[in-house]
Amino acid sequence: MAHTSPRKMRHTRLRKKVAGTAERPRLSIHFSGRHITAQVIDDQAGVTLASVNTTEKEFRKQEDIRPNVATSTKIGQLIAERGLKKNVKKVVFDRGGFNYHGKVKALADAARENGFEF
């Protein structure tokens, strides 16, 4: 049996309780070594309503893009803007097993400041 990372175990445990609905979709985030991804997901329909990723064209032009607090803030602002365009205001925050600290907190705070409620 393969070893599962502590983060993946935390995320599995978290996902037992957190699910997105049409009224209140799930704001899921992920940080890799180089990139940040944020998605607004309706789990009942199995549909991604809005997403932002640092691999998009507008981010590739910038050389200072790293998975840090500054970039997390930009991603949080963008995901809230894109979510509001799809008439999504209330979301459930899925921190992806990451500790709610630093860049995770920065992304969440930026999303709240730009119109998301959670």
C-alpha atoms as a PDB file:
ATOM      1  CA  MET A   1       0.000   0.000   0.000  1.00  0.00           C
ATOM      2  CA  ALA A   2       1.349   3.401  -0.997  1.00  0.00           C
ATOM      3  CA  HIS A   3       2.080   6.004   1.649  1.00  0.00           C
ATOM      4  CA  THR A   4      -0.442   8.845   1.717  1.00  0.00           C
ATOM      5  CA  SER A   5       0.841  12.294   2.606  1.00  0.00           C
ATOM      6  CA  PRO A   6      -0.491  13.989   5.744  1.00  0.00           C
ATOM      7  CA  ARG A   7      -1.955  16.780   3.589  1.00  0.00           C
ATOM      8  CA  LYS A   8      -3.930  14.305   1.482  1.00  0.00           C
ATOM      9  CA  MET A   9      -5.181  12.569   4.618  1.00  0.00           C
ATOM     10  CA  ARG A  10      -6.332  15.921   6.056  1.00  0.00           C
ATOM     11  CA  HIS A  11      -8.025  16.785   2.741  1.00  0.00           C
ATOM     12  CA  THR A  12      -9.870  13.434   2.676  1.00  0.00           C
ATOM     13  CA  ARG A  13     -11.052  13.988   6.233  1.00  0.00           C
ATOM     14  CA  LEU A  14     -12.143  17.540   5.379  1.00  0.00           C
ATOM     15  CA  ARG A  15     -14.027  16.456   2.241  1.00  0.00           C
ATOM     16  CA  LYS A  16     -16.244  14.138   4.292  1.00  0.00           C
ATOM     17  CA  LYS A  17     -17.798  17.264   5.792  1.00  0.00           C
ATOM     18  CA  VAL A  18     -17.449  19.850   2.994  1.00  0.00           C
ATOM     19  CA  ALA A  19     -19.504  19.604  -0.188  1.00  0.00           C
ATOM     20  CA  GLY A  20     -20.624  22.250  -2.656  1.00  0.00           C
ATOM     21  CA  THR A  21     -24.235  22.717  -3.719  1.00  0.00           C
ATOM     22  CA  ALA A  22     -25.857  24.870  -6.391  1.00  0.00           C
ATOM     23  CA  GLU A  23     -26.802  27.464  -3.728  1.00  0.00           C
ATOM     24  CA  ARG A  24     -23.435  27.314  -1.985  1.00  0.00           C
ATOM     25  CA  PRO A  25     -20.620  25.869  -4.139  1.00  0.00           C
ATOM     26  CA  ARG A  26     -17.227  24.819  -2.819  1.00  0.00           C
ATOM     27  CA  LEU A  27     -14.188  27.098  -3.186  1.00  0.00           C
ATOM     28  CA  SER A  28     -11.371  24.586  -3.584  1.00  0.00           C
ATOM     29  CA  ILE A  29      -7.721  25.634  -3.587  1.00  0.00           C
ATOM     30  CA  HIS A  30      -4.468  23.859  -4.347  1.00  0.00           C
ATOM     31  CA  PHE A  31      -0.839  24.901  -4.077  1.00  0.00           C
ATOM     32  CA  SER A  32       1.854  23.001  -5.943  1.00  0.00           C
ATOM     33  CA  GLY A  33       5.557  23.798  -5.891  1.00  0.00           C
ATOM     34  CA  ARG A  34       5.110  26.378  -8.661  1.00  0.00           C
ATOM     35  CA  HIS A  35       1.425  27.161  -9.109  1.00  0.00           C
ATOM     36  CA  ILE A  36      -1.831  28.050  -7.368  1.00  0.00           C
ATOM     37  CA  THR A  37      -5.259  26.839  -8.443  1.00  0.00           C
ATOM     38  CA  ALA A  38      -8.651  27.975  -7.159  1.00  0.00           C
ATOM     39  CA  GLN A  39     -11.990  26.579  -8.349  1.00  0.00           C
ATOM     40  CA  VAL A  40     -15.635  27.183  -7.488  1.00  0.00           C
ATOM     41  CA  ILE A  41     -17.307  23.761  -7.767  1.00  0.00           C
ATOM     42  CA  ASP A  42     -20.921  22.560  -7.621  1.00  0.00           C
ATOM     43  CA  ASP A  43     -20.387  19.004  -6.350  1.00  0.00           C
ATOM     44  CA  GLN A  44     -24.009  17.926  -6.847  1.00  0.00           C
ATOM     45  CA  ALA A  45     -23.882  18.633 -10.587  1.00  0.00           C
ATOM     46  CA  GLY A  46     -20.168  17.846 -10.844  1.00  0.00           C
ATOM     47  CA  VAL A  47     -19.463  21.174 -12.551  1.00  0.00           C
ATOM     48  CA  THR A  48     -16.724  23.767 -12.126  1.00  0.00           C
ATOM     49  CA  LEU A  49     -18.407  27.182 -12.194  1.00  0.00           C
ATOM     50  CA  ALA A  50     -15.277  29.359 -12.143  1.00  0.00           C
ATOM     51  CA  SER A  51     -11.558  28.785 -11.930  1.00  0.00           C
ATOM     52  CA  VAL A  52      -8.268  30.661 -11.733  1.00  0.00           C
ATOM     53  CA  ASN A  53      -4.830  29.187 -12.233  1.00  0.00           C
ATOM     54  CA  THR A  54      -1.357  30.707 -12.330  1.00  0.00           C
ATOM     55  CA  THR A  55      -0.727  28.828 -15.590  1.00  0.00           C
ATOM     56  CA  GLU A  56      -3.139  31.175 -17.432  1.00  0.00           C
ATOM     57  CA  LYS A  57      -1.758  33.575 -20.067  1.00  0.00           C
ATOM     58  CA  GLU A  58      -2.136  36.716 -17.959  1.00  0.00           C
ATOM     59  CA  PHE A  59      -0.011  35.190 -15.182  1.00  0.00           C
ATOM     60  CA  ARG A  60       2.615  33.682 -17.485  1.00  0.00           C
ATOM     61  CA  LYS A  61       3.592  37.157 -18.700  1.00  0.00           C
ATOM     62  CA  GLN A  62       4.572  38.129 -15.156  1.00  0.00           C
ATOM     63  CA  GLU A  63       7.920  36.878 -13.926  1.00  0.00           C
ATOM     64  CA  ASP A  64       7.240  37.296 -10.194  1.00  0.00           C
ATOM     65  CA  ILE A  65       4.557  34.579 -10.069  1.00  0.00           C
ATOM     66  CA  ARG A  66       5.334  32.077  -7.334  1.00  0.00           C
ATOM     67  CA  PRO A  67       3.036  30.232  -4.905  1.00  0.00           C
ATOM     68  CA  ASN A  68       3.402  32.885  -2.209  1.00  0.00           C
ATOM     69  CA  VAL A  69       1.196  35.317  -0.253  1.00  0.00           C
ATOM     70  CA  ALA A  70       1.304  38.056  -2.931  1.00  0.00           C
ATOM     71  CA  THR A  71       0.194  35.711  -5.706  1.00  0.00           C
ATOM     72  CA  SER A  72      -2.411  34.109  -3.407  1.00  0.00           C
ATOM     73  CA  THR A  73      -3.960  37.530  -2.871  1.00  0.00           C
ATOM     74  CA  LYS A  74      -4.211  38.090  -6.648  1.00  0.00           C
ATOM     75  CA  ILE A  75      -5.771  34.642  -7.135  1.00  0.00           C
ATOM     76  CA  GLY A  76      -8.276  35.306  -4.324  1.00  0.00           C
ATOM     77  CA  GLN A  77      -9.352  38.582  -5.942  1.00  0.00           C
ATOM     78  CA  LEU A  78      -9.713  36.994  -9.379  1.00  0.00           C
ATOM     79  CA  ILE A  79     -11.696  33.951  -8.209  1.00  0.00           C
ATOM     80  CA  ALA A  80     -14.135  36.209  -6.357  1.00  0.00           C
ATOM     81  CA  GLU A  81     -14.584  38.416  -9.446  1.00  0.00           C
ATOM     82  CA  ARG A  82     -15.160  35.408 -11.714  1.00  0.00           C
ATOM     83  CA  GLY A  83     -17.504  33.809  -9.201  1.00  0.00           C
ATOM     84  CA  LEU A  84     -19.585  36.971  -8.885  1.00  0.00           C
ATOM     85  CA  LYS A  85     -19.938  37.089 -12.694  1.00  0.00           C
ATOM     86  CA  LYS A  86     -21.570  33.631 -12.411  1.00  0.00           C
ATOM     87  CA  ASN A  87     -23.899  34.927  -9.636  1.00  0.00           C
ATOM     88  CA  VAL A  88     -22.070  33.052  -6.862  1.00  0.00           C
ATOM     89  CA  LYS A  89     -21.803  34.949  -3.571  1.00  0.00           C
ATOM     90  CA  LYS A  90     -21.836  32.317  -0.838  1.00  0.00           C
ATOM     91  CA  VAL A  91     -19.274  29.527  -0.939  1.00  0.00           C
ATOM     92  CA  VAL A  92     -17.930  26.773   1.304  1.00  0.00           C
ATOM     93  CA  PHE A  93     -14.158  27.061   1.744  1.00  0.00           C
ATOM     94  CA  ASP A  94     -12.151  23.890   1.053  1.00  0.00           C
ATOM     95  CA  ARG A  95      -8.569  24.519   2.116  1.00  0.00           C
ATOM     96  CA  GLY A  96      -7.401  21.304   0.443  1.00  0.00           C
ATOM     97  CA  GLY A  97      -5.751  19.899   3.564  1.00  0.00           C
ATOM     98  CA  PHE A  98      -3.414  22.888   3.786  1.00  0.00           C
ATOM     99  CA  ASN A  99      -3.149  24.679   7.123  1.00  0.00           C
ATOM    100  CA  TYR A 100      -5.197  27.875   7.329  1.00  0.00           C
ATOM    101  CA  HIS A 101      -2.146  30.103   7.583  1.00  0.00           C
ATOM    102  CA  GLY A 102      -0.027  32.306   5.324  1.00  0.00           C
ATOM    103  CA  LYS A 103      -0.924  31.946   1.643  1.00  0.00           C
ATOM    104  CA  VAL A 104      -4.142  29.992   2.332  1.00  0.00           C
ATOM    105  CA  LYS A 105      -5.348  32.723   4.673  1.00  0.00           C
ATOM    106  CA  ALA A 106      -4.271  35.437   2.205  1.00  0.00           C
ATOM    107  CA  LEU A 107      -6.292  33.812  -0.605  1.00  0.00           C
ATOM    108  CA  ALA A 108      -9.357  33.414   1.638  1.00  0.00           C
ATOM    109  CA  ASP A 109      -9.175  37.002   2.912  1.00  0.00           C
ATOM    110  CA  ALA A 110      -8.793  38.405  -0.625  1.00  0.00           C
ATOM    111  CA  ALA A 111     -11.805  36.364  -1.807  1.00  0.00           C
ATOM    112  CA  ARG A 112     -13.874  37.676   1.132  1.00  0.00           C
ATOM    113  CA  GLU A 113     -12.838  41.284   0.507  1.00  0.00           C
ATOM    114  CA  ASN A 114     -13.910  41.001  -3.123  1.00  0.00           C
ATOM    115  CA  GLY A 115     -17.428  39.704  -2.473  1.00  0.00           C
ATOM    116  CA  PHE A 116     -17.414  36.039  -1.439  1.00  0.00           C
ATOM    117  CA  GLU A 117     -19.160  35.095   1.803  1.00  0.00           C
ATOM    118  CA  PHE A 118     -17.843  32.178   3.866  1.00  0.00           C
END
